[in-house]
Amino acid sequence: MTEGQKQEIKGEPITAFVVVREGVEVTDEFRATLRKPVSTEIGAIARLDEVLFVKNVPKTRSRKIMRRVIRASALGQPVGDISTLSNPEAVEEIAAAL
């Protein structure tokens, strides 16, 4: 997802970074089950464009997800200060998933 991929209606493509528990097999059917609740609960405009599977997402020591770091990685921008992350290796994993 880059700045050049902005969409006329949504603004930006919607990407989900999903952490799958060990032993769960990722199939097309599994992907579909992730997409459906978003479009039915929020609306068709919120349909996921991409579902990416990662082992972890960047979190602070208090376990809050660092959405700004994920967004910056997805847009190809500098992630900024990540000194508060408990798992800085997750930033590289997010970049690799893209």
Protein backbone atom coordinates (compact mmCIF):
# COMPACT_ATOMS: atom_id res chain seq x y z
CA MET A 1 0.00 0.00 0.00
CA THR A 2 1.54 3.29 -1.04
CA GLU A 3 0.38 6.87 -1.39
CA GLY A 4 -0.18 6.20 -5.10
CA GLN A 5 -2.79 3.56 -4.26
CA LYS A 6 -5.33 5.96 -2.78
CA GLN A 7 -8.86 5.07 -3.72
CA GLU A 8 -11.48 7.54 -4.82
CA ILE A 9 -14.20 6.36 -2.43
CA LYS A 10 -12.33 4.81 0.53
CA GLY A 11 -9.35 7.13 0.54
CA GLU A 12 -6.84 4.40 1.30
CA PRO A 13 -6.96 0.64 0.87
CA ILE A 14 -7.91 -1.23 4.04
CA THR A 15 -5.32 -3.79 5.10
CA ALA A 16 -5.64 -6.17 8.04
CA PHE A 17 -2.54 -7.54 9.73
CA VAL A 18 -3.65 -10.78 11.35
CA VAL A 19 -1.74 -12.66 14.03
CA VAL A 20 -2.64 -16.33 13.71
CA ARG A 21 -2.28 -18.71 16.63
CA GLU A 22 0.08 -21.61 16.22
CA GLY A 23 -1.54 -24.60 14.59
CA VAL A 24 -4.16 -22.60 12.68
CA GLU A 25 -4.02 -23.30 8.95
CA VAL A 26 -4.46 -20.27 6.70
CA THR A 27 -6.75 -21.21 3.83
CA ASP A 28 -8.86 -19.24 1.36
CA GLU A 29 -11.92 -20.12 3.43
CA PHE A 30 -10.19 -18.77 6.55
CA ARG A 31 -9.40 -15.52 4.72
CA ALA A 32 -13.05 -15.21 3.66
CA THR A 33 -14.25 -15.67 7.24
CA LEU A 34 -12.06 -12.74 8.25
CA ARG A 35 -13.35 -10.46 5.52
CA LYS A 36 -17.08 -11.10 5.93
CA PRO A 37 -17.70 -9.66 9.43
CA VAL A 38 -15.98 -6.39 8.52
CA SER A 39 -18.23 -5.76 5.54
CA THR A 40 -21.43 -6.89 7.31
CA GLU A 41 -20.83 -5.19 10.67
CA ILE A 42 -19.27 -1.94 9.44
CA GLY A 43 -20.52 -1.79 5.86
CA ALA A 44 -19.56 -2.80 2.35
CA ILE A 45 -17.37 0.28 1.97
CA ALA A 46 -15.15 -1.10 4.75
CA ARG A 47 -14.39 -4.33 2.88
CA LEU A 48 -10.80 -5.43 3.42
CA ASP A 49 -8.55 -5.03 0.40
CA GLU A 50 -5.75 -7.12 1.83
CA VAL A 51 -5.33 -9.62 4.64
CA LEU A 52 -1.70 -10.17 5.63
CA PHE A 53 -0.65 -12.79 8.16
CA VAL A 54 2.21 -12.00 10.55
CA LYS A 55 3.63 -13.60 13.68
CA ASN A 56 3.36 -10.41 15.70
CA VAL A 57 2.47 -6.72 15.47
CA PRO A 58 4.47 -3.89 17.07
CA LYS A 59 3.36 -3.37 20.67
CA THR A 60 4.44 -1.18 23.55
CA ARG A 61 5.53 -2.67 26.85
CA SER A 62 1.96 -2.14 28.08
CA ARG A 63 0.79 -4.34 25.12
CA LYS A 64 -0.86 -1.54 23.12
CA ILE A 65 -0.61 -1.97 19.35
CA MET A 66 1.49 0.76 17.74
CA ARG A 67 -0.79 1.59 14.82
CA ARG A 68 1.28 4.56 13.72
CA VAL A 69 4.28 2.26 13.19
CA ILE A 70 2.19 -0.17 11.13
CA ARG A 71 0.73 2.67 9.07
CA ALA A 72 4.13 4.26 8.43
CA SER A 73 5.55 0.89 7.33
CA ALA A 74 2.60 0.30 5.02
CA LEU A 75 2.98 3.73 3.44
CA GLY A 76 6.75 3.36 3.07
CA GLN A 77 7.42 6.24 5.46
CA PRO A 78 9.93 6.38 8.32
CA VAL A 79 8.50 4.64 11.38
CA GLY A 80 9.97 7.15 13.79
CA ASP A 81 10.83 6.42 17.40
CA ILE A 82 10.34 2.76 18.26
CA SER A 83 12.23 2.79 21.55
CA THR A 84 9.01 2.07 23.47
CA LEU A 85 8.33 -1.16 21.59
CA SER A 86 8.56 -4.43 23.46
CA ASN A 87 9.10 -6.28 20.17
CA PRO A 88 10.98 -4.12 17.64
CA GLU A 89 11.48 -7.19 15.40
CA ALA A 90 7.76 -6.96 14.54
CA VAL A 91 8.44 -3.79 12.53
CA GLU A 92 10.65 -5.75 10.14
CA GLU A 93 8.04 -8.50 9.91
CA ILE A 94 5.34 -6.00 8.96
CA ALA A 95 7.60 -4.54 6.26
CA ALA A 96 8.38 -8.02 4.94
CA ALA A 97 4.67 -8.93 4.80
CA LEU A 98 4.01 -5.97 2.54
